[in-house]
PDB file of all heavy atoms in Angstrom:
ATOM      1  N   GLY A   1       0.793  -1.229   0.000  1.00  0.00           N
ATOM      2  CA  GLY A   1       0.000   0.000   0.000  1.00  0.00           C
ATOM      3  C   GLY A   1       0.819   1.268   0.000  1.00  0.00           C
ATOM      4  O   GLY A   1       0.357   2.305   0.499  1.00  0.00           O
ATOM      5  N   CYS A   2       2.017   1.215  -0.567  1.00  0.00           N
ATOM      6  CA  CYS A   2       2.904   2.385  -0.531  1.00  0.00           C
ATOM      7  C   CYS A   2       2.972   3.129  -1.864  1.00  0.00           C
ATOM      8  O   CYS A   2       3.854   3.975  -2.048  1.00  0.00           O
ATOM      9  CB  CYS A   2       4.320   1.958  -0.131  1.00  0.00           C
ATOM     10  SG  CYS A   2       4.480   1.443   1.591  1.00  0.00           S
ATOM     11  N   GLU A   3       2.048   2.850  -2.771  1.00  0.00           N
ATOM     12  CA  GLU A   3       2.179   3.459  -4.095  1.00  0.00           C
ATOM     13  C   GLU A   3       2.115   4.995  -4.060  1.00  0.00           C
ATOM     14  O   GLU A   3       2.817   5.679  -4.802  1.00  0.00           O
ATOM     15  CB  GLU A   3       1.117   2.906  -5.058  1.00  0.00           C
ATOM     16  CG  GLU A   3      -0.331   3.089  -4.627  1.00  0.00           C
ATOM     17  CD  GLU A   3      -0.872   1.909  -3.826  1.00  0.00           C
ATOM     18  OE1 GLU A   3      -0.073   1.256  -3.110  1.00  0.00           O
ATOM     19  OE2 GLU A   3      -2.087   1.661  -3.923  1.00  0.00           O
ATOM     20  N   PHE A   4       1.299   5.539  -3.169  1.00  0.00           N
ATOM     21  CA  PHE A   4       1.192   7.002  -3.112  1.00  0.00           C
ATOM     22  C   PHE A   4       2.290   7.598  -2.222  1.00  0.00           C
ATOM     23  O   PHE A   4       2.752   8.715  -2.461  1.00  0.00           O
ATOM     24  CB  PHE A   4      -0.198   7.408  -2.630  1.00  0.00           C
ATOM     25  CG  PHE A   4      -1.281   6.919  -3.549  1.00  0.00           C
ATOM     26  CD1 PHE A   4      -2.172   5.942  -3.126  1.00  0.00           C
ATOM     27  CD2 PHE A   4      -1.387   7.391  -4.844  1.00  0.00           C
ATOM     28  CE1 PHE A   4      -3.162   5.468  -3.969  1.00  0.00           C
ATOM     29  CE2 PHE A   4      -2.358   6.922  -5.711  1.00  0.00           C
ATOM     30  CZ  PHE A   4      -3.252   5.957  -5.273  1.00  0.00           C
ATOM     31  N   ALA A   5       2.722   6.842  -1.239  1.00  0.00           N
ATOM     32  CA  ALA A   5       3.877   7.268  -0.460  1.00  0.00           C
ATOM     33  C   ALA A   5       5.111   7.351  -1.358  1.00  0.00           C
ATOM     34  O   ALA A   5       5.932   8.270  -1.214  1.00  0.00           O
ATOM     35  CB  ALA A   5       4.124   6.290   0.691  1.00  0.00           C
ATOM     36  N   ASP A   6       5.224   6.395  -2.283  1.00  0.00           N
ATOM     37  CA  ASP A   6       6.344   6.425  -3.226  1.00  0.00           C
ATOM     38  C   ASP A   6       6.319   7.690  -4.072  1.00  0.00           C
ATOM     39  O   ASP A   6       7.362   8.292  -4.339  1.00  0.00           O
ATOM     40  CB  ASP A   6       6.298   5.203  -4.143  1.00  0.00           C
ATOM     41  CG  ASP A   6       6.790   3.932  -3.462  1.00  0.00           C
ATOM     42  OD1 ASP A   6       7.137   3.998  -2.263  1.00  0.00           O
ATOM     43  OD2 ASP A   6       6.804   2.881  -4.131  1.00  0.00           O
ATOM     44  N   VAL A   7       5.132   8.080  -4.508  1.00  0.00           N
ATOM     45  CA  VAL A   7       5.012   9.308  -5.307  1.00  0.00           C
ATOM     46  C   VAL A   7       5.546  10.496  -4.522  1.00  0.00           C
ATOM     47  O   VAL A   7       6.335  11.306  -5.031  1.00  0.00           O
ATOM     48  CB  VAL A   7       3.542   9.553  -5.711  1.00  0.00           C
ATOM     49  CG1 VAL A   7       3.379  10.948  -6.340  1.00  0.00           C
ATOM     50  CG2 VAL A   7       3.071   8.482  -6.686  1.00  0.00           C
ATOM     51  N   ALA A   8       5.118  10.607  -3.260  1.00  0.00           N
ATOM     52  CA  ALA A   8       5.539  11.748  -2.433  1.00  0.00           C
ATOM     53  C   ALA A   8       7.040  11.760  -2.231  1.00  0.00           C
ATOM     54  O   ALA A   8       7.698  12.801  -2.362  1.00  0.00           O
ATOM     55  CB  ALA A   8       4.812  11.694  -1.089  1.00  0.00           C
ATOM     56  N   GLU A   9       7.621  10.597  -1.898  1.00  0.00           N
ATOM     57  CA  GLU A   9       9.055  10.574  -1.621  1.00  0.00           C
ATOM     58  C   GLU A   9       9.871  10.820  -2.879  1.00  0.00           C
ATOM     59  O   GLU A   9      10.891  11.528  -2.846  1.00  0.00           O
ATOM     60  CB  GLU A   9       9.460   9.258  -0.961  1.00  0.00           C
ATOM     61  CG  GLU A   9      10.912   9.267  -0.511  1.00  0.00           C
ATOM     62  CD  GLU A   9      11.252   8.146   0.455  1.00  0.00           C
ATOM     63  OE1 GLU A   9      10.327   7.489   0.977  1.00  0.00           O
ATOM     64  OE2 GLU A   9      12.456   7.930   0.691  1.00  0.00           O
ATOM     65  N   LYS A  10       9.448  10.258  -4.003  1.00  0.00           N
ATOM     66  CA  LYS A  10      10.170  10.499  -5.258  1.00  0.00           C
ATOM     67  C   LYS A  10      10.164  11.978  -5.618  1.00  0.00           C
ATOM     68  O   LYS A  10      11.180  12.523  -6.057  1.00  0.00           O
ATOM     69  CB  LYS A  10       9.538   9.679  -6.390  1.00  0.00           C
ATOM     70  CG  LYS A  10       9.855   8.198  -6.358  1.00  0.00           C
ATOM     71  CD  LYS A  10       9.151   7.474  -7.498  1.00  0.00           C
ATOM     72  CE  LYS A  10       9.402   5.989  -7.478  1.00  0.00           C
ATOM     73  NZ  LYS A  10       8.655   5.294  -8.568  1.00  0.00           N
ATOM     74  N   LEU A  11       9.022  12.617  -5.441  1.00  0.00           N
ATOM     75  CA  LEU A  11       8.935  14.048  -5.750  1.00  0.00           C
ATOM     76  C   LEU A  11       9.843  14.859  -4.838  1.00  0.00           C
ATOM     77  O   LEU A  11      10.516  15.803  -5.283  1.00  0.00           O
ATOM     78  CB  LEU A  11       7.489  14.534  -5.630  1.00  0.00           C
ATOM     79  CG  LEU A  11       6.554  14.132  -6.755  1.00  0.00           C
ATOM     80  CD1 LEU A  11       5.104  14.496  -6.406  1.00  0.00           C
ATOM     81  CD2 LEU A  11       6.959  14.808  -8.070  1.00  0.00           C
ATOM     82  N   ALA A  12       9.868  14.503  -3.552  1.00  0.00           N
ATOM     83  CA  ALA A  12      10.749  15.216  -2.619  1.00  0.00           C
ATOM     84  C   ALA A  12      12.210  15.066  -3.043  1.00  0.00           C
ATOM     85  O   ALA A  12      12.976  16.043  -3.047  1.00  0.00           O
ATOM     86  CB  ALA A  12      10.544  14.692  -1.200  1.00  0.00           C
ATOM     87  N   ILE A  13      12.605  13.856  -3.417  1.00  0.00           N
ATOM     88  CA  ILE A  13      13.991  13.606  -3.840  1.00  0.00           C
ATOM     89  C   ILE A  13      14.317  14.387  -5.110  1.00  0.00           C
ATOM     90  O   ILE A  13      15.336  15.092  -5.187  1.00  0.00           O
ATOM     91  CB  ILE A  13      14.219  12.100  -4.065  1.00  0.00           C
ATOM     92  CG1 ILE A  13      14.156  11.347  -2.738  1.00  0.00           C
ATOM     93  CG2 ILE A  13      15.551  11.845  -4.768  1.00  0.00           C
ATOM     94  CD1 ILE A  13      14.084   9.835  -2.889  1.00  0.00           C
ATOM     95  N   GLU A  14      13.452  14.281  -6.109  1.00  0.00           N
ATOM     96  CA  GLU A  14      13.714  14.934  -7.396  1.00  0.00           C
ATOM     97  C   GLU A  14      13.783  16.453  -7.246  1.00  0.00           C
ATOM     98  O   GLU A  14      14.647  17.112  -7.850  1.00  0.00           O
ATOM     99  CB  GLU A  14      12.617  14.551  -8.403  1.00  0.00           C
ATOM    100  CG  GLU A  14      12.673  13.097  -8.828  1.00  0.00           C
ATOM    101  CD  GLU A  14      11.391  12.640  -9.521  1.00  0.00           C
ATOM    102  OE1 GLU A  14      10.490  13.498  -9.717  1.00  0.00           O
ATOM    103  OE2 GLU A  14      11.294  11.454  -9.872  1.00  0.00           O
ATOM    104  N   ARG A  15      12.896  17.008  -6.439  1.00  0.00           N
ATOM    105  CA  ARG A  15      12.881  18.464  -6.265  1.00  0.00           C
ATOM    106  C   ARG A  15      14.096  18.943  -5.489  1.00  0.00           C
ATOM    107  O   ARG A  15      14.664  19.996  -5.805  1.00  0.00           O
ATOM    108  CB  ARG A  15      11.582  18.887  -5.583  1.00  0.00           C
ATOM    109  CG  ARG A  15      10.365  18.703  -6.474  1.00  0.00           C
ATOM    110  CD  ARG A  15       9.058  18.869  -5.718  1.00  0.00           C
ATOM    111  NE  ARG A  15       7.913  18.650  -6.602  1.00  0.00           N
ATOM    112  CZ  ARG A  15       6.646  18.634  -6.191  1.00  0.00           C
ATOM    113  NH1 ARG A  15       6.363  18.829  -4.907  1.00  0.00           N
ATOM    114  NH2 ARG A  15       5.671  18.433  -7.059  1.00  0.00           N
ATOM    115  N   ALA A  16      14.522  18.182  -4.480  1.00  0.00           N
ATOM    116  CA  ALA A  16      15.726  18.556  -3.737  1.00  0.00           C
ATOM    117  C   ALA A  16      16.960  18.471  -4.630  1.00  0.00           C
ATOM    118  O   ALA A  16      17.858  19.322  -4.557  1.00  0.00           O
ATOM    119  CB  ALA A  16      15.888  17.663  -2.511  1.00  0.00           C
ATOM    120  N   GLN A  17      17.011  17.448  -5.487  1.00  0.00           N
ATOM    121  CA  GLN A  17      18.133  17.332  -6.419  1.00  0.00           C
ATOM    122  C   GLN A  17      18.182  18.529  -7.361  1.00  0.00           C
ATOM    123  O   GLN A  17      19.255  19.081  -7.636  1.00  0.00           O
ATOM    124  CB  GLN A  17      18.019  16.040  -7.227  1.00  0.00           C
ATOM    125  CG  GLN A  17      18.344  14.783  -6.437  1.00  0.00           C
ATOM    126  CD  GLN A  17      18.107  13.515  -7.229  1.00  0.00           C
ATOM    127  OE1 GLN A  17      17.072  13.368  -7.893  1.00  0.00           O
ATOM    128  NE2 GLN A  17      19.064  12.595  -7.167  1.00  0.00           N
ATOM    129  N   GLU A  18      17.031  18.941  -7.850  1.00  0.00           N
ATOM    130  CA  GLU A  18      16.974  20.105  -8.735  1.00  0.00           C
ATOM    131  C   GLU A  18      17.348  21.380  -7.996  1.00  0.00           C
ATOM    132  O   GLU A  18      18.077  22.232  -8.507  1.00  0.00           O
ATOM    133  CB  GLU A  18      15.576  20.237  -9.336  1.00  0.00           C
ATOM    134  CG  GLU A  18      15.438  21.405 -10.301  1.00  0.00           C
ATOM    135  CD  GLU A  18      14.050  21.530 -10.904  1.00  0.00           C
ATOM    136  OE1 GLU A  18      13.188  20.661 -10.614  1.00  0.00           O
ATOM    137  OE2 GLU A  18      13.825  22.502 -11.646  1.00  0.00           O
ATOM    138  N   LEU A  19      16.864  21.513  -6.778  1.00  0.00           N
ATOM    139  CA  LEU A  19      17.081  22.725  -5.998  1.00  0.00           C
ATOM    140  C   LEU A  19      18.556  22.925  -5.665  1.00  0.00           C
ATOM    141  O   LEU A  19      19.074  24.046  -5.758  1.00  0.00           O
ATOM    142  CB  LEU A  19      16.255  22.640  -4.713  1.00  0.00           C
ATOM    143  CG  LEU A  19      16.156  23.880  -3.823  1.00  0.00           C
ATOM    144  CD1 LEU A  19      15.503  25.030  -4.574  1.00  0.00           C
ATOM    145  CD2 LEU A  19      15.361  23.545  -2.559  1.00  0.00           C
ATOM    146  N   PHE A  20      19.246  21.832  -5.286  1.00  0.00           N
ATOM    147  CA  PHE A  20      20.637  21.944  -4.845  1.00  0.00           C
ATOM    148  C   PHE A  20      21.645  21.399  -5.854  1.00  0.00           C
ATOM    149  O   PHE A  20      22.845  21.453  -5.595  1.00  0.00           O
ATOM    150  CB  PHE A  20      20.815  21.206  -3.515  1.00  0.00           C
ATOM    151  CG  PHE A  20      20.120  21.871  -2.358  1.00  0.00           C
ATOM    152  CD1 PHE A  20      18.889  21.417  -1.917  1.00  0.00           C
ATOM    153  CD2 PHE A  20      20.695  22.961  -1.723  1.00  0.00           C
ATOM    154  CE1 PHE A  20      18.234  22.027  -0.846  1.00  0.00           C
ATOM    155  CE2 PHE A  20      20.058  23.579  -0.650  1.00  0.00           C
ATOM    156  CZ  PHE A  20      18.819  23.113  -0.213  1.00  0.00           C
ATOM    157  N   LYS A  21      21.156  20.860  -6.974  1.00  0.00           N
ATOM    158  CA  LYS A  21      22.041  20.259  -7.982  1.00  0.00           C
ATOM    159  C   LYS A  21      22.887  19.149  -7.351  1.00  0.00           C
ATOM    160  O   LYS A  21      24.097  19.021  -7.594  1.00  0.00           O
ATOM    161  CB  LYS A  21      22.947  21.317  -8.612  1.00  0.00           C
ATOM    162  CG  LYS A  21      22.203  22.513  -9.184  1.00  0.00           C
ATOM    163  CD  LYS A  21      21.248  22.113 -10.296  1.00  0.00           C
ATOM    164  CE  LYS A  21      20.559  23.313 -10.936  1.00  0.00           C
ATOM    165  NZ  LYS A  21      19.555  23.966 -10.066  1.00  0.00           N
ATOM    166  N   ALA A  22      22.233  18.334  -6.546  1.00  0.00           N
ATOM    167  CA  ALA A  22      22.909  17.257  -5.821  1.00  0.00           C
ATOM    168  C   ALA A  22      22.787  15.938  -6.576  1.00  0.00           C
ATOM    169  O   ALA A  22      21.764  15.666  -7.211  1.00  0.00           O
ATOM    170  CB  ALA A  22      22.306  17.107  -4.431  1.00  0.00           C
ATOM    171  N   GLU A  23      23.820  15.105  -6.478  1.00  0.00           N
ATOM    172  CA  GLU A  23      23.815  13.815  -7.167  1.00  0.00           C
ATOM    173  C   GLU A  23      22.852  12.831  -6.514  1.00  0.00           C
ATOM    174  O   GLU A  23      22.131  12.103  -7.199  1.00  0.00           O
ATOM    175  CB  GLU A  23      25.233  13.226  -7.188  1.00  0.00           C
ATOM    176  CG  GLU A  23      26.204  14.023  -8.047  1.00  0.00           C
ATOM    177  CD  GLU A  23      27.601  13.429  -8.047  1.00  0.00           C
ATOM    178  OE1 GLU A  23      27.767  12.247  -7.635  1.00  0.00           O
ATOM    179  OE2 GLU A  23      28.548  14.144  -8.443  1.00  0.00           O
ATOM    180  N   HIS A  24      22.850  12.792  -5.182  1.00  0.00           N
ATOM    181  CA  HIS A  24      21.974  11.856  -4.469  1.00  0.00           C
ATOM    182  C   HIS A  24      21.369  12.562  -3.266  1.00  0.00           C
ATOM    183  O   HIS A  24      22.034  13.378  -2.607  1.00  0.00           O
ATOM    184  CB  HIS A  24      22.742  10.623  -4.002  1.00  0.00           C
ATOM    185  CG  HIS A  24      21.881   9.634  -3.276  1.00  0.00           C
ATOM    186  ND1 HIS A  24      20.989   8.804  -3.928  1.00  0.00           N
ATOM    187  CD2 HIS A  24      21.748   9.355  -1.947  1.00  0.00           C
ATOM    188  CE1 HIS A  24      20.356   8.056  -3.038  1.00  0.00           C
ATOM    189  NE2 HIS A  24      20.795   8.363  -1.830  1.00  0.00           N
ATOM    190  N   VAL A  25      20.101  12.265  -2.972  1.00  0.00           N
ATOM    191  CA  VAL A  25      19.397  12.901  -1.857  1.00  0.00           C
ATOM    192  C   VAL A  25      18.626  11.845  -1.079  1.00  0.00           C
ATOM    193  O   VAL A  25      17.990  10.968  -1.661  1.00  0.00           O
ATOM    194  CB  VAL A  25      18.413  13.984  -2.357  1.00  0.00           C
ATOM    195  CG1 VAL A  25      17.549  14.503  -1.208  1.00  0.00           C
ATOM    196  CG2 VAL A  25      19.162  15.140  -3.002  1.00  0.00           C
ATOM    197  N   ASN A  26      18.692  11.941   0.240  1.00  0.00           N
ATOM    198  CA  ASN A  26      17.850  11.136   1.125  1.00  0.00           C
ATOM    199  C   ASN A  26      16.994  12.095   1.935  1.00  0.00           C
ATOM    200  O   ASN A  26      17.526  12.955   2.656  1.00  0.00           O
ATOM    201  CB  ASN A  26      18.699  10.263   2.049  1.00  0.00           C
ATOM    202  CG  ASN A  26      17.867   9.261   2.831  1.00  0.00           C
ATOM    203  OD1 ASN A  26      16.965   9.636   3.570  1.00  0.00           O
ATOM    204  ND2 ASN A  26      18.177   7.974   2.693  1.00  0.00           N
ATOM    205  N   VAL A  27      15.673  11.955   1.837  1.00  0.00           N
ATOM    206  CA  VAL A  27      14.751  12.900   2.487  1.00  0.00           C
ATOM    207  C   VAL A  27      14.109  12.317   3.742  1.00  0.00           C
ATOM    208  O   VAL A  27      13.204  12.924   4.316  1.00  0.00           O
ATOM    209  CB  VAL A  27      13.638  13.339   1.509  1.00  0.00           C
ATOM    210  CG1 VAL A  27      14.221  14.122   0.349  1.00  0.00           C
ATOM    211  CG2 VAL A  27      12.823  12.140   1.013  1.00  0.00           C
ATOM    212  N   GLN A  28      14.587  11.155   4.205  1.00  0.00           N
ATOM    213  CA  GLN A  28      13.928  10.485   5.320  1.00  0.00           C
ATOM    214  C   GLN A  28      14.348  10.909   6.729  1.00  0.00           C
ATOM    215  O   GLN A  28      13.593  10.673   7.678  1.00  0.00           O
ATOM    216  CB  GLN A  28      14.092   8.963   5.190  1.00  0.00           C
ATOM    217  CG  GLN A  28      13.325   8.368   4.027  1.00  0.00           C
ATOM    218  CD  GLN A  28      13.229   6.850   4.096  1.00  0.00           C
ATOM    219  OE1 GLN A  28      13.608   6.240   5.094  1.00  0.00           O
ATOM    220  NE2 GLN A  28      12.712   6.243   3.037  1.00  0.00           N
ATOM    221  N   PRO A  29      15.533  11.508   6.949  1.00  0.00           N
ATOM    222  CA  PRO A  29      15.906  11.824   8.336  1.00  0.00           C
ATOM    223  C   PRO A  29      14.850  12.658   9.048  1.00  0.00           C
ATOM    224  O   PRO A  29      14.314  13.621   8.501  1.00  0.00           O
ATOM    225  CB  PRO A  29      17.216  12.600   8.176  1.00  0.00           C
ATOM    226  CG  PRO A  29      17.821  12.040   6.934  1.00  0.00           C
ATOM    227  CD  PRO A  29      16.649  11.809   6.016  1.00  0.00           C
ATOM    228  N   HIS A  30      14.559  12.268  10.296  1.00  0.00           N
ATOM    229  CA  HIS A  30      13.539  12.966  11.078  1.00  0.00           C
ATOM    230  C   HIS A  30      14.010  14.329  11.564  1.00  0.00           C
ATOM    231  O   HIS A  30      13.190  15.167  11.950  1.00  0.00           O
ATOM    232  CB  HIS A  30      13.149  12.121  12.301  1.00  0.00           C
ATOM    233  CG  HIS A  30      12.597  10.777  11.975  1.00  0.00           C
ATOM    234  ND1 HIS A  30      11.983  10.477  10.788  1.00  0.00           N
ATOM    235  CD2 HIS A  30      12.564   9.621  12.714  1.00  0.00           C
ATOM    236  CE1 HIS A  30      11.594   9.214  10.798  1.00  0.00           C
ATOM    237  NE2 HIS A  30      11.936   8.670  11.945  1.00  0.00           N
ATOM    238  N   SER A  31      15.333  14.552  11.604  1.00  0.00           N
ATOM    239  CA  SER A  31      15.861  15.819  12.102  1.00  0.00           C
ATOM    240  C   SER A  31      17.250  16.036  11.530  1.00  0.00           C
ATOM    241  O   SER A  31      17.846  15.131  10.925  1.00  0.00           O
ATOM    242  CB  SER A  31      15.944  15.806  13.631  1.00  0.00           C
ATOM    243  OG  SER A  31      16.963  14.905  14.063  1.00  0.00           O
ATOM    244  N   GLY A  32      17.787  17.232  11.756  1.00  0.00           N
ATOM    245  CA  GLY A  32      19.142  17.508  11.324  1.00  0.00           C
ATOM    246  C   GLY A  32      20.159  16.672  12.069  1.00  0.00           C
ATOM    247  O   GLY A  32      21.143  16.207  11.490  1.00  0.00           O
ATOM    248  N   SER A  33      19.946  16.489  13.363  1.00  0.00           N
ATOM    249  CA  SER A  33      20.878  15.676  14.146  1.00  0.00           C
ATOM    250  C   SER A  33      20.903  14.233  13.653  1.00  0.00           C
ATOM    251  O   SER A  33      21.964  13.588  13.618  1.00  0.00           O
ATOM    252  CB  SER A  33      20.505  15.722  15.633  1.00  0.00           C
ATOM    253  OG  SER A  33      20.761  16.994  16.175  1.00  0.00           O
TER     254      SER A  33
END
């Protein structure tokens, strides 16, 4: 049942990559620490 969760996470990754011109992005950390 993660098909829509996948959409959200993929979009977050793709947009962060575009925003920072980064090669790889992980958007899952709960905090900066």
